[in-house]
C-alpha atoms as a PDB file:
ATOM      1  CA  MET A   1       0.000   0.000   0.000  1.00  0.00           C
ATOM      2  CA  GLU A   2       1.119   3.516  -0.765  1.00  0.00           C
ATOM      3  CA  THR A   3      -0.305   6.980  -0.098  1.00  0.00           C
ATOM      4  CA  GLN A   4       0.591   9.900  -2.357  1.00  0.00           C
ATOM      5  CA  LYS A   5       0.228  13.526  -1.333  1.00  0.00           C
ATOM      6  CA  SER A   6       0.486  15.094  -4.760  1.00  0.00           C
ATOM      7  CA  PHE A   7       1.526  18.570  -3.682  1.00  0.00           C
ATOM      8  CA  ASP A   8       3.770  17.746  -0.726  1.00  0.00           C
ATOM      9  CA  THR A   9       6.519  20.373  -0.868  1.00  0.00           C
ATOM     10  CA  LEU A  10       8.749  18.292   1.412  1.00  0.00           C
ATOM     11  CA  SER A  11       9.341  15.597  -1.232  1.00  0.00           C
ATOM     12  CA  GLU A  12      12.977  15.364  -2.280  1.00  0.00           C
ATOM     13  CA  TYR A  13      12.012  14.090  -5.728  1.00  0.00           C
ATOM     14  CA  GLY A  14      10.552  15.887  -8.698  1.00  0.00           C
ATOM     15  CA  THR A  15       7.010  15.316  -9.986  1.00  0.00           C
ATOM     16  CA  LEU A  16       5.764  13.602 -13.127  1.00  0.00           C
ATOM     17  CA  TYR A  17       2.816  15.513 -14.618  1.00  0.00           C
ATOM     18  CA  LEU A  18       0.539  13.714 -17.074  1.00  0.00           C
ATOM     19  CA  VAL A  19      -0.628  16.473 -19.394  1.00  0.00           C
ATOM     20  CA  PRO A  20      -3.430  15.890 -21.935  1.00  0.00           C
ATOM     21  CA  THR A  21      -3.227  17.667 -25.267  1.00  0.00           C
ATOM     22  CA  PRO A  22      -6.027  18.643 -27.700  1.00  0.00           C
ATOM     23  CA  ILE A  23      -7.444  15.906 -29.946  1.00  0.00           C
ATOM     24  CA  GLY A  24      -7.991  18.445 -32.696  1.00  0.00           C
ATOM     25  CA  ASN A  25      -9.092  21.888 -31.582  1.00  0.00           C
ATOM     26  CA  LEU A  26      -6.236  23.781 -29.915  1.00  0.00           C
ATOM     27  CA  ASP A  27      -8.738  25.827 -27.901  1.00  0.00           C
ATOM     28  CA  ASP A  28      -9.342  22.699 -25.801  1.00  0.00           C
ATOM     29  CA  MET A  29      -5.933  23.133 -24.164  1.00  0.00           C
ATOM     30  CA  THR A  30      -6.484  24.159 -20.534  1.00  0.00           C
ATOM     31  CA  PHE A  31      -4.834  27.101 -18.788  1.00  0.00           C
ATOM     32  CA  ARG A  32      -3.380  24.703 -16.255  1.00  0.00           C
ATOM     33  CA  ALA A  33      -1.888  22.453 -18.940  1.00  0.00           C
ATOM     34  CA  VAL A  34      -0.136  25.411 -20.581  1.00  0.00           C
ATOM     35  CA  LYS A  35       1.127  26.618 -17.203  1.00  0.00           C
ATOM     36  CA  ILE A  36       2.545  23.201 -16.341  1.00  0.00           C
ATOM     37  CA  LEU A  37       4.280  22.866 -19.724  1.00  0.00           C
ATOM     38  CA  GLN A  38       5.833  26.309 -19.233  1.00  0.00           C
ATOM     39  CA  SER A  39       7.031  25.610 -15.693  1.00  0.00           C
ATOM     40  CA  VAL A  40       8.436  22.051 -15.809  1.00  0.00           C
ATOM     41  CA  ASP A  41      12.099  21.320 -16.456  1.00  0.00           C
ATOM     42  CA  LEU A  42      11.457  18.869 -19.287  1.00  0.00           C
ATOM     43  CA  ILE A  43       8.660  17.615 -21.557  1.00  0.00           C
ATOM     44  CA  ALA A  44       8.646  13.917 -22.516  1.00  0.00           C
ATOM     45  CA  ALA A  45       6.798  13.832 -25.850  1.00  0.00           C
ATOM     46  CA  GLU A  46       5.607  10.968 -28.034  1.00  0.00           C
ATOM     47  CA  ASP A  47       6.585  12.924 -31.153  1.00  0.00           C
ATOM     48  CA  THR A  48       8.733  15.978 -30.469  1.00  0.00           C
ATOM     49  CA  ARG A  49       8.066  17.475 -33.918  1.00  0.00           C
ATOM     50  CA  ASN A  50       4.319  17.265 -33.467  1.00  0.00           C
ATOM     51  CA  THR A  51       4.450  18.572 -29.903  1.00  0.00           C
ATOM     52  CA  GLN A  52       6.703  21.456 -30.941  1.00  0.00           C
ATOM     53  CA  LYS A  53       3.836  22.863 -33.035  1.00  0.00           C
ATOM     54  CA  LEU A  54       1.673  22.891 -29.894  1.00  0.00           C
ATOM     55  CA  LEU A  55       4.443  24.481 -27.824  1.00  0.00           C
ATOM     56  CA  ASN A  56       5.010  27.179 -30.451  1.00  0.00           C
ATOM     57  CA  HIS A  57       1.294  28.005 -30.492  1.00  0.00           C
ATOM     58  CA  PHE A  58       1.266  28.595 -26.730  1.00  0.00           C
ATOM     59  CA  ASP A  59       4.748  30.151 -26.559  1.00  0.00           C
ATOM     60  CA  VAL A  60       6.202  27.343 -24.441  1.00  0.00           C
ATOM     61  CA  GLN A  61      10.018  27.343 -24.426  1.00  0.00           C
ATOM     62  CA  THR A  62      10.563  24.179 -22.353  1.00  0.00           C
ATOM     63  CA  LYS A  63      13.023  21.604 -23.695  1.00  0.00           C
ATOM     64  CA  GLN A  64      11.671  18.303 -25.024  1.00  0.00           C
ATOM     65  CA  ILE A  65      12.884  14.703 -24.969  1.00  0.00           C
ATOM     66  CA  SER A  66      11.383  11.905 -27.074  1.00  0.00           C
ATOM     67  CA  PHE A  67       9.417   9.200 -25.263  1.00  0.00           C
ATOM     68  CA  HIS A  68       7.484   6.696 -27.362  1.00  0.00           C
ATOM     69  CA  GLU A  69       6.678   2.989 -27.557  1.00  0.00           C
ATOM     70  CA  HIS A  70       9.951   2.176 -29.329  1.00  0.00           C
ATOM     71  CA  ASN A  71      12.345   3.687 -26.759  1.00  0.00           C
ATOM     72  CA  THR A  72      10.619   3.023 -23.412  1.00  0.00           C
ATOM     73  CA  SER A  73      13.235   0.534 -22.188  1.00  0.00           C
ATOM     74  CA  GLU A  74      16.032   3.116 -22.400  1.00  0.00           C
ATOM     75  CA  ARG A  75      14.011   6.249 -21.645  1.00  0.00           C
ATOM     76  CA  ILE A  76      12.179   5.138 -18.489  1.00  0.00           C
ATOM     77  CA  PRO A  77      15.347   4.666 -16.372  1.00  0.00           C
ATOM     78  CA  GLU A  78      16.652   7.967 -17.718  1.00  0.00           C
ATOM     79  CA  LEU A  79      13.462   9.870 -16.886  1.00  0.00           C
ATOM     80  CA  VAL A  80      13.122   8.245 -13.461  1.00  0.00           C
ATOM     81  CA  GLY A  81      16.723   9.205 -12.752  1.00  0.00           C
ATOM     82  CA  LYS A  82      16.049  12.838 -13.626  1.00  0.00           C
ATOM     83  CA  LEU A  83      12.946  12.860 -11.420  1.00  0.00           C
ATOM     84  CA  LYS A  84      14.916  11.430  -8.487  1.00  0.00           C
ATOM     85  CA  GLN A  85      17.395  14.251  -8.952  1.00  0.00           C
ATOM     86  CA  GLY A  86      14.547  16.721  -8.387  1.00  0.00           C
ATOM     87  CA  MET A  87      13.567  17.609 -11.960  1.00  0.00           C
ATOM     88  CA  THR A  88       9.897  18.091 -12.856  1.00  0.00           C
ATOM     89  CA  ILE A  89       8.724  16.399 -16.061  1.00  0.00           C
ATOM     90  CA  ALA A  90       5.525  16.675 -18.091  1.00  0.00           C
ATOM     91  CA  GLN A  91       4.606  13.672 -20.208  1.00  0.00           C
ATOM     92  CA  VAL A  92       2.411  14.238 -23.274  1.00  0.00           C
ATOM     93  CA  SER A  93       1.153  12.098 -26.143  1.00  0.00           C
ATOM     94  CA  ASP A  94       0.331  13.324 -29.643  1.00  0.00           C
ATOM     95  CA  ALA A  95      -3.334  13.874 -28.772  1.00  0.00           C
ATOM     96  CA  GLY A  96      -5.529  13.330 -25.742  1.00  0.00           C
ATOM     97  CA  MET A  97      -4.639  11.608 -22.495  1.00  0.00           C
ATOM     98  CA  PRO A  98      -1.235   9.986 -21.930  1.00  0.00           C
ATOM     99  CA  SER A  99      -1.483   6.211 -21.304  1.00  0.00           C
ATOM    100  CA  ILE A 100      -4.881   5.896 -23.084  1.00  0.00           C
ATOM    101  CA  SER A 101      -3.923   4.013 -26.272  1.00  0.00           C
ATOM    102  CA  ASP A 102      -0.674   6.001 -26.061  1.00  0.00           C
ATOM    103  CA  PRO A 103       2.688   5.593 -24.270  1.00  0.00           C
ATOM    104  CA  GLY A 104       2.940   6.428 -20.595  1.00  0.00           C
ATOM    105  CA  HIS A 105       1.642   3.604 -18.432  1.00  0.00           C
ATOM    106  CA  GLU A 106       5.037   1.950 -17.948  1.00  0.00           C
ATOM    107  CA  LEU A 107       6.559   5.281 -16.895  1.00  0.00           C
ATOM    108  CA  VAL A 108       3.742   5.847 -14.393  1.00  0.00           C
ATOM    109  CA  VAL A 109       4.313   2.392 -12.861  1.00  0.00           C
ATOM    110  CA  ALA A 110       8.077   2.977 -12.667  1.00  0.00           C
ATOM    111  CA  CYS A 111       7.543   6.301 -10.878  1.00  0.00           C
ATOM    112  CA  ILE A 112       5.079   4.793  -8.399  1.00  0.00           C
ATOM    113  CA  ASP A 113       7.573   2.013  -7.646  1.00  0.00           C
ATOM    114  CA  GLU A 114      10.167   4.678  -6.843  1.00  0.00           C
ATOM    115  CA  HIS A 115       7.719   6.762  -4.732  1.00  0.00           C
ATOM    116  CA  ILE A 116       7.787   9.632  -7.220  1.00  0.00           C
ATOM    117  CA  ASN A 117       4.581  11.694  -7.283  1.00  0.00           C
ATOM    118  CA  VAL A 118       2.470  11.266 -10.418  1.00  0.00           C
ATOM    119  CA  VAL A 119       0.013  14.130 -10.964  1.00  0.00           C
ATOM    120  CA  PRO A 120      -2.645  13.813 -13.701  1.00  0.00           C
ATOM    121  CA  LEU A 121      -4.309  16.803 -15.357  1.00  0.00           C
ATOM    122  CA  PRO A 122      -7.855  16.568 -16.754  1.00  0.00           C
ATOM    123  CA  GLY A 123      -8.395  17.297 -20.409  1.00  0.00           C
ATOM    124  CA  ALA A 124      -9.410  16.112 -23.858  1.00  0.00           C
ATOM    125  CA  ASN A 125     -10.283  12.448 -24.398  1.00  0.00           C
ATOM    126  CA  ALA A 126     -11.701  11.126 -27.678  1.00  0.00           C
ATOM    127  CA  GLY A 127     -13.544   8.147 -26.169  1.00  0.00           C
ATOM    128  CA  ILE A 128     -15.571  10.104 -23.611  1.00  0.00           C
ATOM    129  CA  THR A 129     -16.177  12.966 -26.050  1.00  0.00           C
ATOM    130  CA  ALA A 130     -17.622  10.505 -28.571  1.00  0.00           C
ATOM    131  CA  LEU A 131     -19.638   8.605 -25.977  1.00  0.00           C
ATOM    132  CA  ILE A 132     -21.628  11.561 -24.682  1.00  0.00           C
ATOM    133  CA  ALA A 133     -22.687  12.578 -28.193  1.00  0.00           C
ATOM    134  CA  SER A 134     -23.308   9.060 -29.523  1.00  0.00           C
ATOM    135  CA  GLY A 135     -26.889   8.809 -28.320  1.00  0.00           C
ATOM    136  CA  LEU A 136     -26.083   5.449 -26.704  1.00  0.00           C
ATOM    137  CA  SER A 137     -26.195   4.851 -22.963  1.00  0.00           C
ATOM    138  CA  PRO A 138     -23.174   6.651 -21.456  1.00  0.00           C
ATOM    139  CA  GLN A 139     -23.016   4.486 -18.348  1.00  0.00           C
ATOM    140  CA  PRO A 140     -21.896   1.944 -17.685  1.00  0.00           C
ATOM    141  CA  PHE A 141     -19.399   1.899 -20.521  1.00  0.00           C
ATOM    142  CA  TYR A 142     -16.471  -0.352 -21.415  1.00  0.00           C
ATOM    143  CA  PHE A 143     -13.413   1.210 -23.035  1.00  0.00           C
ATOM    144  CA  TYR A 144     -11.582  -1.231 -25.307  1.00  0.00           C
ATOM    145  CA  GLY A 145      -9.535   1.044 -27.557  1.00  0.00           C
ATOM    146  CA  PHE A 146      -7.870  -0.498 -30.605  1.00  0.00           C
ATOM    147  CA  LEU A 147      -8.748  -4.057 -31.619  1.00  0.00           C
ATOM    148  CA  SER A 148      -6.096  -6.388 -33.030  1.00  0.00           C
ATOM    149  CA  ARG A 149      -5.037  -5.675 -36.595  1.00  0.00           C
ATOM    150  CA  LYS A 150      -5.048  -9.395 -37.473  1.00  0.00           C
ATOM    151  CA  PRO A 151      -8.530 -10.422 -38.771  1.00  0.00           C
ATOM    152  CA  LYS A 152      -8.787 -13.757 -36.935  1.00  0.00           C
ATOM    153  CA  GLU A 153      -7.552 -12.325 -33.627  1.00  0.00           C
ATOM    154  CA  GLN A 154      -9.848  -9.341 -34.035  1.00  0.00           C
ATOM    155  CA  ARG A 155     -12.889 -11.578 -34.511  1.00  0.00           C
ATOM    156  CA  GLU A 156     -11.913 -13.552 -31.405  1.00  0.00           C
ATOM    157  CA  GLU A 157     -11.600 -10.322 -29.399  1.00  0.00           C
ATOM    158  CA  ILE A 158     -15.041  -9.193 -30.536  1.00  0.00           C
ATOM    159  CA  ASP A 159     -16.496 -12.607 -29.674  1.00  0.00           C
ATOM    160  CA  GLY A 160     -15.181 -12.128 -26.150  1.00  0.00           C
ATOM    161  CA  LEU A 161     -17.125  -8.858 -25.909  1.00  0.00           C
ATOM    162  CA  ARG A 162     -20.412 -10.243 -27.237  1.00  0.00           C
ATOM    163  CA  ASN A 163     -22.155 -10.622 -23.874  1.00  0.00           C
ATOM    164  CA  ARG A 164     -20.978  -7.371 -22.296  1.00  0.00           C
ATOM    165  CA  GLU A 165     -23.926  -5.245 -21.209  1.00  0.00           C
ATOM    166  CA  GLU A 166     -22.014  -1.955 -21.222  1.00  0.00           C
ATOM    167  CA  THR A 167     -21.746   0.429 -24.154  1.00  0.00           C
ATOM    168  CA  ILE A 168     -18.382  -0.351 -25.779  1.00  0.00           C
ATOM    169  CA  ILE A 169     -15.837   2.204 -27.029  1.00  0.00           C
ATOM    170  CA  PHE A 170     -13.359   1.358 -29.802  1.00  0.00           C
ATOM    171  CA  TYR A 171     -10.714   3.429 -31.583  1.00  0.00           C
ATOM    172  CA  GLU A 172      -9.890   2.840 -35.247  1.00  0.00           C
ATOM    173  CA  ALA A 173      -7.710   4.280 -37.989  1.00  0.00           C
ATOM    174  CA  PRO A 174      -9.343   5.223 -41.319  1.00  0.00           C
ATOM    175  CA  HIS A 175      -7.586   2.546 -43.395  1.00  0.00           C
ATOM    176  CA  ARG A 176      -8.827  -0.238 -41.092  1.00  0.00           C
ATOM    177  CA  LEU A 177     -12.352   1.037 -40.421  1.00  0.00           C
ATOM    178  CA  LYS A 178     -14.199  -0.997 -43.073  1.00  0.00           C
ATOM    179  CA  LYS A 179     -12.647  -4.327 -42.048  1.00  0.00           C
ATOM    180  CA  THR A 180     -13.271  -3.654 -38.367  1.00  0.00           C
ATOM    181  CA  LEU A 181     -16.910  -2.714 -38.983  1.00  0.00           C
ATOM    182  CA  LYS A 182     -17.367  -5.863 -41.062  1.00  0.00           C
ATOM    183  CA  ASN A 183     -16.090  -7.996 -38.171  1.00  0.00           C
ATOM    184  CA  LEU A 184     -18.231  -6.145 -35.628  1.00  0.00           C
ATOM    185  CA  LEU A 185     -21.208  -6.719 -37.898  1.00  0.00           C
ATOM    186  CA  THR A 186     -20.627 -10.454 -38.378  1.00  0.00           C
ATOM    187  CA  GLN A 187     -19.683 -11.190 -34.777  1.00  0.00           C
ATOM    188  CA  LEU A 188     -22.247  -9.018 -32.955  1.00  0.00           C
ATOM    189  CA  GLY A 189     -25.101  -8.936 -35.470  1.00  0.00           C
ATOM    190  CA  GLY A 190     -26.505  -6.152 -37.591  1.00  0.00           C
ATOM    191  CA  GLY A 191     -29.113  -4.999 -35.080  1.00  0.00           C
ATOM    192  CA  ARG A 192     -26.751  -3.516 -32.479  1.00  0.00           C
ATOM    193  CA  LYS A 193     -26.957   0.274 -32.232  1.00  0.00           C
ATOM    194  CA  ALA A 194     -23.751   2.057 -33.122  1.00  0.00           C
ATOM    195  CA  ALA A 195     -22.221   5.460 -33.754  1.00  0.00           C
ATOM    196  CA  LEU A 196     -19.182   6.394 -35.815  1.00  0.00           C
ATOM    197  CA  CYS A 197     -17.590   9.562 -34.477  1.00  0.00           C
ATOM    198  CA  ARG A 198     -15.157  11.095 -36.955  1.00  0.00           C
ATOM    199  CA  GLU A 199     -12.573  13.867 -36.631  1.00  0.00           C
ATOM    200  CA  LEU A 200     -13.725  14.903 -33.168  1.00  0.00           C
ATOM    201  CA  THR A 201     -13.373  18.635 -32.334  1.00  0.00           C
ATOM    202  CA  LYS A 202     -12.020  19.346 -35.832  1.00  0.00           C
ATOM    203  CA  LYS A 203     -13.601  21.247 -38.711  1.00  0.00           C
ATOM    204  CA  HIS A 204     -14.999  18.097 -40.345  1.00  0.00           C
ATOM    205  CA  GLU A 205     -16.369  16.518 -37.159  1.00  0.00           C
ATOM    206  CA  GLU A 206     -19.135  14.077 -38.058  1.00  0.00           C
ATOM    207  CA  PHE A 207     -21.419  11.565 -36.311  1.00  0.00           C
ATOM    208  CA  ILE A 208     -22.965   8.612 -38.152  1.00  0.00           C
ATOM    209  CA  ARG A 209     -25.611   6.975 -35.953  1.00  0.00           C
ATOM    210  CA  GLY A 210     -27.672   3.871 -36.647  1.00  0.00           C
ATOM    211  CA  THR A 211     -27.320   0.088 -36.432  1.00  0.00           C
ATOM    212  CA  LEU A 212     -24.112  -1.800 -37.131  1.00  0.00           C
ATOM    213  CA  GLU A 213     -25.586  -2.836 -40.453  1.00  0.00           C
ATOM    214  CA  GLN A 214     -26.397   0.764 -41.371  1.00  0.00           C
ATOM    215  CA  VAL A 215     -23.028   2.232 -40.384  1.00  0.00           C
ATOM    216  CA  ASN A 216     -21.290  -0.643 -42.198  1.00  0.00           C
ATOM    217  CA  ASP A 217     -23.260   0.211 -45.344  1.00  0.00           C
ATOM    218  CA  TRP A 218     -22.297   3.872 -44.904  1.00  0.00           C
ATOM    219  CA  ALA A 219     -18.600   2.984 -44.634  1.00  0.00           C
ATOM    220  CA  ASN A 220     -18.730   0.868 -47.787  1.00  0.00           C
ATOM    221  CA  SER A 221     -20.289   3.691 -49.802  1.00  0.00           C
ATOM    222  CA  THR A 222     -18.116   6.537 -48.498  1.00  0.00           C
ATOM    223  CA  GLU A 223     -14.507   7.634 -48.892  1.00  0.00           C
ATOM    224  CA  ILE A 224     -13.092   7.095 -45.407  1.00  0.00           C
ATOM    225  CA  ARG A 225     -10.992   9.886 -43.949  1.00  0.00           C
ATOM    226  CA  GLY A 226      -9.950  10.895 -40.454  1.00  0.00           C
ATOM    227  CA  GLU A 227      -9.631   9.119 -37.124  1.00  0.00           C
ATOM    228  CA  PHE A 228     -12.692   7.307 -35.763  1.00  0.00           C
ATOM    229  CA  VAL A 229     -14.216   6.391 -32.433  1.00  0.00           C
ATOM    230  CA  ILE A 230     -16.720   3.533 -32.737  1.00  0.00           C
ATOM    231  CA  ILE A 231     -19.437   3.297 -30.090  1.00  0.00           C
ATOM    232  CA  VAL A 232     -21.476   0.064 -29.936  1.00  0.00           C
ATOM    233  CA  SER A 233     -24.431  -0.681 -27.663  1.00  0.00           C
ATOM    234  CA  GLY A 234     -24.115  -3.482 -25.126  1.00  0.00           C
ATOM    235  CA  ASN A 235     -25.946  -6.803 -25.089  1.00  0.00           C
ATOM    236  CA  ASP A 236     -29.349  -6.264 -23.460  1.00  0.00           C
ATOM    237  CA  GLN A 237     -29.953 -10.022 -23.124  1.00  0.00           C
ATOM    238  CA  PRO A 238     -26.643 -11.437 -21.849  1.00  0.00           C
ATOM    239  CA  GLN A 239     -28.260 -14.217 -19.769  1.00  0.00           C
ATOM    240  CA  VAL A 240     -30.171 -15.473 -22.783  1.00  0.00           C
ATOM    241  CA  ALA A 241     -27.009 -15.460 -24.858  1.00  0.00           C
ATOM    242  CA  ALA A 242     -25.043 -17.263 -22.142  1.00  0.00           C
ATOM    243  CA  LYS A 243     -27.528 -20.172 -22.082  1.00  0.00           C
ATOM    244  CA  ASP A 244     -27.357 -20.551 -25.845  1.00  0.00           C
ATOM    245  CA  PRO A 245     -25.163 -23.528 -26.906  1.00  0.00           C
ATOM    246  CA  LEU A 246     -23.638 -21.169 -29.472  1.00  0.00           C
ATOM    247  CA  ALA A 247     -22.555 -18.638 -26.824  1.00  0.00           C
ATOM    248  CA  GLY A 248     -18.839 -18.001 -27.031  1.00  0.00           C
ATOM    249  CA  LEU A 249     -18.515 -19.503 -30.518  1.00  0.00           C
ATOM    250  CA  SER A 250     -17.258 -17.473 -33.462  1.00  0.00           C
ATOM    251  CA  VAL A 251     -19.411 -17.150 -36.561  1.00  0.00           C
ATOM    252  CA  ASP A 252     -17.346 -19.819 -38.327  1.00  0.00           C
ATOM    253  CA  GLN A 253     -17.724 -22.137 -35.319  1.00  0.00           C
ATOM    254  CA  GLN A 254     -21.485 -21.559 -35.299  1.00  0.00           C
ATOM    255  CA  VAL A 255     -21.699 -22.666 -38.929  1.00  0.00           C
ATOM    256  CA  ASP A 256     -19.664 -25.771 -38.057  1.00  0.00           C
ATOM    257  CA  PHE A 257     -21.974 -26.427 -35.083  1.00  0.00           C
ATOM    258  CA  TYR A 258     -25.052 -26.537 -37.316  1.00  0.00           C
ATOM    259  CA  ILE A 259     -23.262 -28.731 -39.862  1.00  0.00           C
ATOM    260  CA  GLU A 260     -22.307 -31.184 -37.104  1.00  0.00           C
ATOM    261  CA  ASN A 261     -25.968 -31.244 -36.080  1.00  0.00           C
ATOM    262  CA  GLY A 262     -27.250 -32.303 -39.501  1.00  0.00           C
ATOM    263  CA  LEU A 263     -27.567 -29.177 -41.654  1.00  0.00           C
ATOM    264  CA  THR A 264     -25.881 -28.775 -45.012  1.00  0.00           C
ATOM    265  CA  VAL A 265     -23.225 -26.078 -45.384  1.00  0.00           C
ATOM    266  CA  ASN A 266     -25.633 -23.723 -47.148  1.00  0.00           C
ATOM    267  CA  GLU A 267     -28.403 -24.407 -44.616  1.00  0.00           C
ATOM    268  CA  ALA A 268     -25.994 -23.746 -41.753  1.00  0.00           C
ATOM    269  CA  ILE A 269     -24.810 -20.479 -43.310  1.00  0.00           C
ATOM    270  CA  LYS A 270     -28.403 -19.381 -43.876  1.00  0.00           C
ATOM    271  CA  LYS A 271     -29.273 -20.225 -40.253  1.00  0.00           C
ATOM    272  CA  VAL A 272     -26.314 -18.266 -38.817  1.00  0.00           C
ATOM    273  CA  ALA A 273     -27.135 -15.308 -41.079  1.00  0.00           C
ATOM    274  CA  LYS A 274     -30.697 -15.310 -39.784  1.00  0.00           C
ATOM    275  CA  ASP A 275     -29.530 -15.575 -36.155  1.00  0.00           C
ATOM    276  CA  HIS A 276     -27.351 -12.493 -36.620  1.00  0.00           C
ATOM    277  CA  HIS A 277     -29.815 -10.517 -38.765  1.00  0.00           C
ATOM    278  CA  LEU A 278     -27.320 -10.476 -41.611  1.00  0.00           C
ATOM    279  CA  LYS A 279     -27.429 -11.215 -45.316  1.00  0.00           C
ATOM    280  CA  LYS A 280     -26.522 -14.799 -46.179  1.00  0.00           C
ATOM    281  CA  GLN A 281     -23.744 -13.589 -48.502  1.00  0.00           C
ATOM    282  CA  VAL A 282     -21.923 -11.882 -45.632  1.00  0.00           C
ATOM    283  CA  ILE A 283     -21.646 -15.128 -43.650  1.00  0.00           C
ATOM    284  CA  TYR A 284     -20.930 -17.143 -46.814  1.00  0.00           C
ATOM    285  CA  ASN A 285     -17.995 -14.899 -47.715  1.00  0.00           C
ATOM    286  CA  GLN A 286     -16.506 -15.023 -44.231  1.00  0.00           C
ATOM    287  CA  TYR A 287     -16.916 -18.786 -43.836  1.00  0.00           C
ATOM    288  CA  HIS A 288     -15.286 -19.448 -47.208  1.00  0.00           C
ATOM    289  CA  ASP A 289     -12.692 -16.700 -46.636  1.00  0.00           C
ATOM    290  CA  ILE A 290     -13.780 -14.729 -49.690  1.00  0.00           C
ATOM    291  CA  LYS A 291     -12.406 -11.176 -49.587  1.00  0.00           C
END
């Protein structure tokens, strides 16, 4: 057990500040965040070139040091050492909260282990911003972030979320959006409510609300640009799903289940498509691995 008094002036060590940055609109930077960046001894930035644009905008002269997922093993001991010498450090990611789908967590743990104060600042967060405007239940919610990039692993991850009752928050890059929506559609069914939240706080901010089937159709008929937050409604009948012999099985495994119980391949595919409120061709293509 450990107790931290964040603003104890008697501490011999420096303080690590976790400073959120805007996710698009620079006006979302807080006065406190700017003040901290101006007053610390060093800024640990995910991308120093990107962060320098932010620092220039707010006339921050503080020196930067790079800290990203590819140099954590060498940087963490270095940063902890500086903090133990009494330096104050602000850690920032490219956009939003440090540690949320961005580097930072390992540094926080290392500082806690060394009894160095870790002080978080409130600020911009894409997931919460999207959630409150999605039209879906804002609480309880389950933040998942980025799904696996590998199709099979991604489908397995989604299967594991099928019976969650909470509204689920995903992040996705534009070039992977269509494939991810297709897997959400086939694994969760077309009837789930969903919202695609694009380019949050920026000039082209956009919300696409409907069912998974509808937003999937939108994605397949639209040129995809910008970063996305995907909000999906939870399962409102988790007990029913848990008692189903198909609960926990992937779509491919459900087809195999029906085949093992006497249906032909086409009959099994048709049955699974009906169960998920999807077109037969969608299940057929996935089962036969047709791109």
